[in-house]
Amino acid sequence: MKISIRTIYVTTFLILATVMFILIHFLGVHQISQSLISDRKAALYEEASALSGRYFFNVKSINEFDDYTEDALRERMTSLQVMSHARYFLVDTTGRISIDSADTQSLEGQNFNDLNPTFLDNDTYIGHLKSDSLPSEILSVIYPLSENSNLNGYLVIMTSLADLRSNAHLLVRKLDVCFVLFFLFLILIMVQLYCLTLHPIRQLSQTIREYCTGHFDRSMIHLPFQEYSKLIKSIEDLATFSQNANSYQKDFVANVSHDFRSPLTNIKGYIGAMLDGTIPHEIQEKYLKIILMETNRLTKLTEQLLELNKYENNGILLNYTAFDINEVIRNAASSFEKRCTEKKISIHLMFGSPSFFVDADRDKISQVVHNLIDNAVKFSSTDSSIEIQTAEQKGKIFVTVSDHGIGIPEESLPHIWDRFYKTDVSRGKDKTGSGLGLAITREIVEAHHEYIHATSILGSGTDFSFSLSPHSSSF
């Protein structure tokens, strides 16, 4: 079962929100309670120290108070209880409570040691004392009253922990309200993030589905995020590639159909004419030669298609050897001697050095040279010349084949490497070509990781040039 990103977003958000709420609500109560208790303890101890210096600095013995002094202290401690919400006790050295600030349920006369034997041994006490007049859980500060290192008694300040815990719960409830408001704010942020991140993915998916059905005119959405921009650019490039591949496939089928149909139509027509007697027996040899030429054309087209298909599926397997490119050019040029003689074309070999040894696949490079010379002879005018040059430049050996033929229009130059492409001016000249020679030539050169390009002036001729890597020991 596939889980959507939206489900992951929502689930993760709810889990995090729940965990945060539990931590704030339950752990928050504990932490805030401890903080309030610690602050209250410090405040009470500071208050006890201040009261000791103000009212009990000259106390010799709590048991020696006269009635006036005792009543005055009791009244002062009662006033402090009202203001500070704490209970004050004045205790003698035996633990007996001499003065209790409480008006009701006073503990005067009772002994703290009876309530808890270790109570007066601590600076502070948190817990329960066995008395119905005291809260179930208390926080107490026990401050010793002494003079010249002589203990005269204790000042005990006591407050209820229930009040502190109630304050902690009150603060947590306020935090809960803040959390709920923050949670609602986060929901708005999540919705905004969804609209900015996940919703565009749905739109991209819809656009891709339309691309798959061939509707490449659908424009992509554009977002300011870098990651989306890269993704959209990749999808647009893929769509452009698919559109071009689709157009290429249609053109390929149309071109193959045309290039197969034309010679087959000629062959069928001539054979039919021979069989029904339209072409007399004495001139049939002429048309049989035409049929042979068309058959050779079909054979060449089929072989080149198979060759290109092999290159695309398996790549070009190269057998690198060191050989003299000048020698390869001489051999290739000599094979065109008959055709050049018929068209009165002269081939001039202009080598920059008597020999240029290169590292490449000799057979494949021979095919490249043969294809380029074949093109030059095919489109050269009668009584013209073809120049083939080799030269070393910037660590490369360059081979250039130049003719003085019909040339190639500037707008057609980028397309001459496409399969089956023929310029309008070449269609009348090229009777036997398949339109695959230059495509194969470029595949071979690029398989060597080399460079090939063409320059041309319409009506003046064309130059084809490609590079090769020199053999390391030849320089």
Protein backbone atom coordinates (compact mmCIF):
# COMPACT_ATOMS: atom_id res chain seq x y z
CA MET A 1 0.00 0.00 0.00
CA LYS A 2 1.42 3.36 -1.04
CA ILE A 3 1.23 6.26 1.41
CA SER A 4 0.79 9.78 0.08
CA ILE A 5 3.08 12.60 1.10
CA ARG A 6 0.03 14.48 2.34
CA THR A 7 -0.77 11.62 4.74
CA ILE A 8 2.82 11.63 5.99
CA TYR A 9 2.69 15.41 6.50
CA VAL A 10 -0.60 15.32 8.41
CA THR A 11 0.32 12.27 10.50
CA THR A 12 3.73 13.66 11.42
CA PHE A 13 2.20 17.01 12.30
CA LEU A 14 -0.46 15.45 14.55
CA ILE A 15 2.06 13.19 16.30
CA LEU A 16 4.41 16.10 16.97
CA ALA A 17 1.54 18.29 18.16
CA THR A 18 0.28 15.55 20.52
CA VAL A 19 3.74 14.88 21.95
CA MET A 20 4.34 18.60 22.44
CA PHE A 21 0.97 19.01 24.18
CA ILE A 22 1.65 16.08 26.53
CA LEU A 23 5.11 17.40 27.37
CA ILE A 24 3.83 20.92 27.99
CA HIS A 25 0.80 19.82 29.99
CA PHE A 26 2.22 17.10 32.22
CA LEU A 27 5.94 17.74 32.29
CA GLY A 28 5.18 21.45 32.37
CA VAL A 29 3.14 21.10 35.57
CA HIS A 30 6.01 19.31 37.29
CA GLN A 31 8.69 21.70 36.08
CA ILE A 32 6.67 24.82 36.86
CA SER A 33 5.74 23.44 40.31
CA GLN A 34 9.38 22.74 41.10
CA SER A 35 10.34 26.19 39.88
CA LEU A 36 7.62 27.87 41.96
CA ILE A 37 8.60 25.83 45.04
CA SER A 38 12.27 26.72 44.58
CA ASP A 39 11.47 30.41 44.13
CA ARG A 40 9.07 30.38 47.09
CA LYS A 41 11.61 28.61 49.27
CA ALA A 42 14.28 31.20 48.47
CA ALA A 43 11.82 34.05 49.06
CA LEU A 44 10.72 32.65 52.44
CA TYR A 45 14.29 32.09 53.57
CA GLU A 46 15.21 35.62 52.54
CA GLU A 47 12.16 36.93 54.40
CA ALA A 48 13.09 34.91 57.51
CA SER A 49 16.58 36.37 57.45
CA ALA A 50 15.19 39.90 57.12
CA LEU A 51 12.68 39.38 59.96
CA SER A 52 15.39 37.93 62.18
CA GLY A 53 17.52 41.02 61.78
CA ARG A 54 14.59 43.39 62.24
CA TYR A 55 12.60 41.89 65.12
CA PHE A 56 14.61 39.12 66.76
CA PHE A 57 18.19 40.35 66.71
CA ASN A 58 18.22 40.99 70.50
CA VAL A 59 16.22 37.95 71.55
CA LYS A 60 17.96 36.36 74.54
CA SER A 61 15.45 33.60 75.17
CA ILE A 62 12.03 33.13 73.70
CA ASN A 63 10.78 31.83 77.04
CA GLU A 64 11.69 35.14 78.72
CA PHE A 65 9.27 37.28 76.66
CA ASP A 66 6.96 39.39 78.75
CA ASP A 67 3.29 39.58 77.83
CA TYR A 68 3.67 42.92 76.07
CA THR A 69 6.50 41.75 73.89
CA GLU A 70 4.76 38.49 73.11
CA ASP A 71 1.51 40.22 72.13
CA ALA A 72 3.38 42.72 69.95
CA LEU A 73 5.22 39.94 68.11
CA ARG A 74 2.03 37.94 67.68
CA GLU A 75 0.28 40.98 66.19
CA ARG A 76 3.21 41.63 63.83
CA MET A 77 3.35 37.99 62.71
CA THR A 78 -0.43 37.94 62.13
CA SER A 79 -0.10 41.01 59.89
CA LEU A 80 2.71 39.33 57.96
CA GLN A 81 0.54 36.23 57.46
CA VAL A 82 -2.18 38.30 55.85
CA MET A 83 0.27 40.02 53.52
CA SER A 84 2.41 37.04 52.50
CA HIS A 85 -0.13 34.19 52.67
CA ALA A 86 2.22 32.26 54.92
CA ARG A 87 2.02 31.09 58.54
CA TYR A 88 4.66 32.21 61.03
CA PHE A 89 5.83 30.35 64.13
CA LEU A 90 8.23 31.40 66.88
CA VAL A 91 9.72 28.27 68.40
CA ASP A 92 12.01 27.86 71.43
CA THR A 93 15.07 25.64 71.53
CA THR A 94 13.06 22.65 72.74
CA GLY A 95 10.73 22.80 69.75
CA ARG A 96 7.78 24.27 71.65
CA ILE A 97 5.69 26.72 69.66
CA SER A 98 5.59 30.01 71.57
CA ILE A 99 3.80 32.16 69.02
CA ASP A 100 1.56 31.08 66.11
CA SER A 101 0.38 33.75 63.66
CA ALA A 102 -2.88 31.87 63.03
CA ASP A 103 -5.96 33.20 64.85
CA THR A 104 -7.79 29.87 64.64
CA GLN A 105 -6.53 26.36 65.25
CA SER A 106 -3.42 27.79 66.84
CA LEU A 107 -0.58 25.40 67.59
CA GLU A 108 0.84 27.47 70.47
CA GLY A 109 2.05 25.24 73.24
CA GLN A 110 2.53 22.23 70.96
CA ASN A 111 5.96 20.88 70.09
CA PHE A 112 7.23 20.42 66.54
CA ASN A 113 9.26 17.45 67.69
CA ASP A 114 5.98 15.72 68.45
CA LEU A 115 4.74 16.45 64.93
CA ASN A 116 8.02 15.36 63.30
CA PRO A 117 11.19 14.62 65.31
CA THR A 118 13.52 15.77 62.49
CA PHE A 119 11.56 18.85 61.51
CA LEU A 120 13.87 21.39 63.19
CA ASP A 121 17.02 19.67 61.93
CA ASN A 122 16.48 21.03 58.41
CA ASP A 123 16.76 24.45 56.84
CA THR A 124 13.70 23.68 54.76
CA TYR A 125 11.04 21.02 54.97
CA ILE A 126 8.64 19.77 52.33
CA GLY A 127 6.10 17.20 53.32
CA HIS A 128 3.35 16.46 55.86
CA LEU A 129 3.12 17.12 59.59
CA LYS A 130 0.76 15.19 61.86
CA SER A 131 -1.63 18.02 62.62
CA ASP A 132 -5.19 18.65 61.49
CA SER A 133 -4.67 22.40 61.65
CA LEU A 134 -1.97 22.31 58.97
CA PRO A 135 -2.34 21.70 55.21
CA SER A 136 -1.77 18.16 53.99
CA GLU A 137 1.46 19.20 52.26
CA ILE A 138 3.58 22.12 53.34
CA LEU A 139 6.72 24.04 52.49
CA SER A 140 8.55 25.26 55.59
CA VAL A 141 11.63 27.38 56.16
CA ILE A 142 13.33 26.88 59.56
CA TYR A 143 15.56 29.83 60.41
CA PRO A 144 17.64 29.59 63.61
CA LEU A 145 17.67 32.65 65.92
CA SER A 146 21.06 32.98 67.57
CA GLU A 147 23.32 35.52 69.25
CA ASN A 148 27.03 35.05 69.62
CA SER A 149 26.72 31.47 68.41
CA ASN A 150 24.13 30.78 71.11
CA LEU A 151 20.86 29.29 69.80
CA ASN A 152 17.88 31.15 71.23
CA GLY A 153 15.09 29.58 69.12
CA TYR A 154 13.66 29.26 65.60
CA LEU A 155 11.56 31.32 63.23
CA VAL A 156 9.44 28.97 61.11
CA ILE A 157 7.61 30.25 58.02
CA MET A 158 5.16 27.77 56.52
CA THR A 159 3.05 27.87 53.35
CA SER A 160 0.75 25.40 51.60
CA LEU A 161 2.15 23.52 48.61
CA ALA A 162 -1.40 23.10 47.29
CA ASP A 163 -1.50 26.82 46.54
CA LEU A 164 1.79 26.59 44.65
CA ARG A 165 0.63 23.58 42.69
CA SER A 166 -2.63 25.35 41.92
CA ASN A 167 -0.66 28.29 40.57
CA ALA A 168 1.38 25.86 38.47
CA HIS A 169 -1.78 24.32 37.00
CA LEU A 170 -3.12 27.81 36.30
CA LEU A 171 0.05 28.70 34.40
CA VAL A 172 -0.08 25.43 32.46
CA ARG A 173 -3.69 26.10 31.49
CA LYS A 174 -2.58 29.45 30.14
CA LEU A 175 0.18 27.65 28.25
CA ASP A 176 -2.41 25.20 26.92
CA VAL A 177 -4.42 28.10 25.54
CA CYS A 178 -1.28 29.54 23.96
CA PHE A 179 -0.45 26.11 22.53
CA VAL A 180 -3.93 25.75 21.02
CA LEU A 181 -3.57 29.17 19.39
CA PHE A 182 -0.10 28.22 18.20
CA PHE A 183 -1.49 24.90 16.93
CA LEU A 184 -4.12 26.75 14.88
CA PHE A 185 -1.39 29.01 13.54
CA LEU A 186 0.66 25.93 12.58
CA ILE A 187 -2.36 24.52 10.76
CA LEU A 188 -2.47 27.68 8.65
CA ILE A 189 1.26 27.31 7.99
CA MET A 190 0.75 23.65 7.04
CA VAL A 191 -2.01 24.57 4.61
CA GLN A 192 0.23 27.22 3.09
CA LEU A 193 3.14 24.76 2.82
CA TYR A 194 0.82 22.22 1.23
CA CYS A 195 -0.27 24.75 -1.37
CA LEU A 196 3.35 25.69 -2.05
CA THR A 197 4.90 22.20 -2.06
CA LEU A 198 2.46 19.33 -2.50
CA HIS A 199 -0.23 20.94 -4.63
CA PRO A 200 2.25 21.81 -7.41
CA ILE A 201 3.28 18.13 -7.50
CA ARG A 202 -0.30 17.22 -8.35
CA GLN A 203 -0.26 19.83 -11.12
CA LEU A 204 3.08 18.52 -12.38
CA SER A 205 1.68 15.00 -12.38
CA GLN A 206 -1.33 16.13 -14.41
CA THR A 207 0.93 17.95 -16.89
CA ILE A 208 3.16 14.89 -17.26
CA ARG A 209 0.10 12.72 -17.95
CA GLU A 210 -0.88 15.14 -20.72
CA TYR A 211 2.66 14.98 -22.10
CA CYS A 212 2.36 11.18 -22.17
CA THR A 213 -0.71 11.50 -24.39
CA GLY A 214 1.20 13.73 -26.81
CA HIS A 215 -0.15 17.12 -25.66
CA PHE A 216 3.22 18.87 -25.46
CA ASP A 217 1.65 22.33 -25.75
CA ARG A 218 0.66 22.30 -22.06
CA SER A 219 2.82 24.81 -20.20
CA MET A 220 4.49 23.93 -16.91
CA ILE A 221 3.87 25.84 -13.70
CA HIS A 222 6.79 27.90 -12.42
CA LEU A 223 7.70 28.20 -8.75
CA PRO A 224 10.39 30.25 -6.96
CA PHE A 225 11.88 27.22 -5.20
CA GLN A 226 15.22 26.08 -6.61
CA GLU A 227 14.45 22.37 -6.24
CA TYR A 228 11.15 22.71 -8.11
CA SER A 229 12.79 24.85 -10.78
CA LYS A 230 15.36 22.10 -11.42
CA LEU A 231 12.63 19.45 -11.50
CA ILE A 232 10.44 21.49 -13.84
CA LYS A 233 13.44 22.23 -16.09
CA SER A 234 14.23 18.49 -16.24
CA ILE A 235 10.61 17.65 -17.09
CA GLU A 236 10.51 20.36 -19.76
CA ASP A 237 13.75 19.03 -21.25
CA LEU A 238 12.32 15.51 -21.20
CA ALA A 239 9.11 16.74 -22.84
CA THR A 240 11.11 18.55 -25.51
CA PHE A 241 13.18 15.44 -26.09
CA SER A 242 10.04 13.30 -26.30
CA GLN A 243 8.40 15.77 -28.67
CA ASN A 244 11.49 15.81 -30.87
CA ALA A 245 11.70 12.02 -30.71
CA ASN A 246 8.05 11.79 -31.68
CA SER A 247 8.58 14.16 -34.59
CA TYR A 248 11.75 12.31 -35.54
CA GLN A 249 9.91 9.00 -35.47
CA LYS A 250 7.23 10.35 -37.79
CA ASP A 251 9.82 11.86 -40.11
CA PHE A 252 11.86 8.66 -39.96
CA VAL A 253 8.92 6.50 -40.98
CA ALA A 254 7.97 8.95 -43.73
CA ASN A 255 11.54 9.14 -45.05
CA VAL A 256 12.12 5.39 -44.92
CA SER A 257 8.80 4.79 -46.63
CA HIS A 258 9.68 7.32 -49.33
CA ASP A 259 13.22 6.03 -49.84
CA PHE A 260 12.00 2.46 -50.12
CA ARG A 261 8.88 3.27 -52.17
CA SER A 262 10.67 5.26 -54.89
CA PRO A 263 13.12 2.54 -56.03
CA LEU A 264 10.52 -0.20 -55.57
CA THR A 265 8.10 1.77 -57.77
CA ASN A 266 10.78 2.16 -60.44
CA ILE A 267 11.72 -1.52 -60.28
CA LYS A 268 8.08 -2.61 -60.45
CA GLY A 269 7.35 -0.24 -63.34
CA TYR A 270 10.33 -1.28 -65.45
CA ILE A 271 9.78 -5.01 -64.88
CA GLY A 272 6.08 -4.65 -65.73
CA ALA A 273 6.94 -2.74 -68.89
CA MET A 274 9.37 -5.47 -69.93
CA LEU A 275 6.85 -8.23 -69.31
CA ASP A 276 4.02 -6.59 -71.27
CA GLY A 277 6.34 -5.65 -74.15
CA THR A 278 6.20 -1.89 -73.63
CA ILE A 279 10.00 -1.88 -73.44
CA PRO A 280 11.41 -3.70 -76.50
CA HIS A 281 13.91 -6.47 -75.94
CA GLU A 282 16.73 -4.61 -77.67
CA ILE A 283 16.71 -1.72 -75.10
CA GLN A 284 15.94 -3.78 -72.00
CA GLU A 285 19.61 -3.79 -70.95
CA LYS A 286 19.42 -0.07 -70.25
CA TYR A 287 16.50 -0.51 -67.88
CA LEU A 288 18.00 -3.60 -66.29
CA LYS A 289 20.98 -1.42 -65.31
CA ILE A 290 18.55 1.06 -63.77
CA ILE A 291 16.88 -1.78 -61.87
CA LEU A 292 20.32 -2.95 -60.65
CA MET A 293 21.16 0.60 -59.53
CA GLU A 294 17.88 0.88 -57.60
CA THR A 295 18.49 -2.56 -56.05
CA ASN A 296 21.97 -1.47 -54.94
CA ARG A 297 20.43 1.67 -53.50
CA LEU A 298 17.95 -0.40 -51.46
CA THR A 299 20.75 -2.69 -50.30
CA LYS A 300 22.88 0.27 -49.24
CA LEU A 301 19.95 1.89 -47.42
CA THR A 302 19.18 -1.34 -45.55
CA GLU A 303 22.82 -1.86 -44.57
CA GLN A 304 23.15 1.70 -43.30
CA LEU A 305 19.92 1.46 -41.30
CA LEU A 306 21.15 -1.75 -39.69
CA GLU A 307 24.52 -0.13 -38.98
CA LEU A 308 22.96 2.90 -37.29
CA ASN A 309 20.63 0.69 -35.29
CA LYS A 310 23.60 -1.37 -34.10
CA TYR A 311 25.45 1.80 -33.07
CA GLU A 312 22.46 3.02 -31.06
CA ASN A 313 21.78 -0.30 -29.32
CA ASN A 314 25.31 -1.52 -28.64
CA GLY A 315 27.47 1.53 -29.23
CA ILE A 316 30.37 1.59 -31.67
CA LEU A 317 33.04 -0.95 -30.78
CA LEU A 318 36.39 0.61 -31.69
CA ASN A 319 39.65 -1.21 -32.34
CA TYR A 320 42.30 1.42 -31.67
CA THR A 321 45.55 1.11 -33.62
CA ALA A 322 48.26 3.50 -34.72
CA PHE A 323 48.18 4.23 -38.45
CA ASP A 324 49.10 6.90 -40.97
CA ILE A 325 46.01 8.96 -41.80
CA ASN A 326 47.70 10.23 -44.97
CA GLU A 327 47.90 6.67 -46.28
CA VAL A 328 44.22 6.08 -45.53
CA ILE A 329 43.34 9.24 -47.47
CA ARG A 330 45.46 8.18 -50.47
CA ASN A 331 43.75 4.78 -50.59
CA ALA A 332 40.29 6.32 -50.28
CA ALA A 333 40.97 8.94 -52.95
CA SER A 334 42.27 6.35 -55.41
CA SER A 335 39.00 4.42 -55.16
CA PHE A 336 37.17 7.43 -56.66
CA GLU A 337 39.48 7.73 -59.66
CA LYS A 338 36.93 6.39 -62.16
CA ARG A 339 34.09 8.64 -60.94
CA CYS A 340 36.34 11.67 -60.85
CA THR A 341 37.55 10.98 -64.38
CA GLU A 342 33.95 10.75 -65.61
CA LYS A 343 33.10 14.15 -64.02
CA LYS A 344 36.51 15.67 -64.82
CA ILE A 345 37.18 16.28 -61.14
CA SER A 346 40.72 16.46 -59.83
CA ILE A 347 41.60 15.53 -56.24
CA HIS A 348 44.50 17.43 -54.63
CA LEU A 349 46.12 15.94 -51.53
CA MET A 350 47.75 18.59 -49.35
CA PHE A 351 49.45 16.95 -46.38
CA GLY A 352 51.07 19.09 -43.69
CA SER A 353 53.61 16.33 -43.13
CA PRO A 354 54.66 13.26 -45.12
CA SER A 355 52.96 11.14 -42.47
CA PHE A 356 50.58 11.74 -39.58
CA PHE A 357 50.18 8.76 -37.27
CA VAL A 358 46.98 8.76 -35.24
CA ASP A 359 45.35 6.49 -32.65
CA ALA A 360 41.91 5.42 -33.88
CA ASP A 361 39.93 2.60 -35.47
CA ARG A 362 41.42 2.43 -38.97
CA ASP A 363 38.40 0.80 -40.63
CA LYS A 364 35.93 3.25 -39.11
CA ILE A 365 38.05 6.30 -39.99
CA SER A 366 38.45 4.92 -43.53
CA GLN A 367 34.65 4.84 -43.70
CA VAL A 368 34.50 8.48 -42.54
CA VAL A 369 37.02 9.59 -45.17
CA HIS A 370 35.23 7.57 -47.87
CA ASN A 371 31.85 9.11 -46.96
CA LEU A 372 33.22 12.66 -47.05
CA ILE A 373 34.99 12.16 -50.41
CA ASP A 374 31.86 10.48 -51.79
CA ASN A 375 29.82 13.53 -50.76
CA ALA A 376 32.36 15.89 -52.30
CA VAL A 377 32.41 14.01 -55.63
CA LYS A 378 28.63 13.70 -55.67
CA PHE A 379 27.98 17.43 -55.27
CA SER A 380 31.00 18.84 -57.12
CA SER A 381 30.49 20.53 -60.44
CA THR A 382 32.07 19.18 -63.62
CA ASP A 383 35.62 20.43 -64.27
CA SER A 384 36.19 21.27 -60.59
CA SER A 385 38.57 20.12 -57.90
CA ILE A 386 38.51 18.59 -54.44
CA GLU A 387 41.17 19.38 -51.83
CA ILE A 388 41.96 17.04 -48.95
CA GLN A 389 44.23 18.52 -46.28
CA THR A 390 45.85 17.19 -43.12
CA ALA A 391 47.40 19.49 -40.54
CA GLU A 392 48.47 19.48 -36.91
CA GLN A 393 46.90 22.16 -34.71
CA LYS A 394 46.76 22.45 -30.93
CA GLY A 395 47.74 18.84 -30.34
CA LYS A 396 45.22 17.40 -32.82
CA ILE A 397 45.41 16.14 -36.40
CA PHE A 398 42.74 17.77 -38.56
CA VAL A 399 41.46 16.29 -41.82
CA THR A 400 39.59 18.68 -44.14
CA VAL A 401 37.72 17.72 -47.33
CA SER A 402 36.81 20.72 -49.50
CA ASP A 403 34.79 20.81 -52.71
CA HIS A 404 33.67 23.54 -55.09
CA GLY A 405 30.17 22.26 -55.67
CA ILE A 406 26.65 23.50 -55.06
CA GLY A 407 27.16 24.27 -51.38
CA ILE A 408 24.68 24.06 -48.52
CA PRO A 409 22.24 26.81 -47.48
CA GLU A 410 23.11 28.33 -44.11
CA GLU A 411 19.77 27.34 -42.57
CA SER A 412 20.34 23.71 -43.59
CA LEU A 413 23.81 23.30 -42.05
CA PRO A 414 22.56 22.33 -38.54
CA HIS A 415 20.42 19.56 -40.06
CA ILE A 416 22.86 17.85 -42.41
CA TRP A 417 23.74 15.35 -39.67
CA ASP A 418 20.11 14.26 -39.29
CA ARG A 419 19.06 10.95 -40.79
CA PHE A 420 17.51 11.11 -44.26
CA TYR A 421 18.03 14.87 -44.40
CA LYS A 422 18.62 16.25 -47.88
CA THR A 423 18.77 19.91 -48.79
CA ASP A 424 16.49 21.14 -51.54
CA VAL A 425 19.46 21.96 -53.78
CA SER A 426 20.90 18.45 -53.37
CA ARG A 427 17.81 16.42 -54.21
CA GLY A 428 18.37 16.67 -57.94
CA LYS A 429 22.07 15.82 -57.61
CA ASP A 430 21.80 12.90 -55.17
CA LYS A 431 20.18 10.00 -56.99
CA THR A 432 21.80 7.18 -55.05
CA GLY A 433 22.25 8.63 -51.59
CA SER A 434 20.25 7.44 -48.63
CA GLY A 435 20.62 10.50 -46.43
CA LEU A 436 22.36 8.38 -43.78
CA GLY A 437 26.03 8.81 -44.72
CA LEU A 438 26.70 11.97 -42.71
CA ALA A 439 24.71 10.64 -39.74
CA ILE A 440 26.95 7.56 -39.67
CA THR A 441 30.04 9.74 -40.14
CA ARG A 442 29.23 11.88 -37.12
CA GLU A 443 28.44 8.79 -34.98
CA ILE A 444 31.88 7.35 -35.76
CA VAL A 445 33.79 10.58 -35.11
CA GLU A 446 31.97 11.27 -31.84
CA ALA A 447 32.54 7.67 -30.73
CA HIS A 448 36.26 8.54 -30.91
CA HIS A 449 35.49 11.57 -28.69
CA GLU A 450 36.54 13.82 -31.55
CA TYR A 451 34.93 16.77 -33.32
CA ILE A 452 33.47 17.20 -36.82
CA HIS A 453 31.92 20.27 -38.38
CA ALA A 454 30.98 21.71 -41.76
CA THR A 455 31.16 25.17 -43.30
CA SER A 456 29.63 26.10 -46.62
CA ILE A 457 28.83 28.94 -48.97
CA LEU A 458 25.87 28.34 -51.26
CA GLY A 459 27.08 28.03 -54.84
CA SER A 460 30.77 28.01 -53.85
CA GLY A 461 31.35 24.72 -52.09
CA THR A 462 31.57 22.99 -48.72
CA ASP A 463 34.34 22.14 -46.23
CA PHE A 464 34.09 19.15 -43.88
CA SER A 465 36.70 18.93 -41.13
CA PHE A 466 37.22 16.44 -38.30
CA SER A 467 39.88 15.91 -35.65
CA LEU A 468 41.93 12.88 -34.58
CA SER A 469 44.32 12.27 -31.69
CA PRO A 470 47.97 11.89 -32.73
CA HIS A 471 49.85 8.74 -31.82
CA SER A 472 51.95 9.49 -28.74
CA SER A 473 55.24 8.35 -30.29
CA SER A 474 54.78 10.27 -33.53
CA PHE A 475 55.75 13.63 -32.04
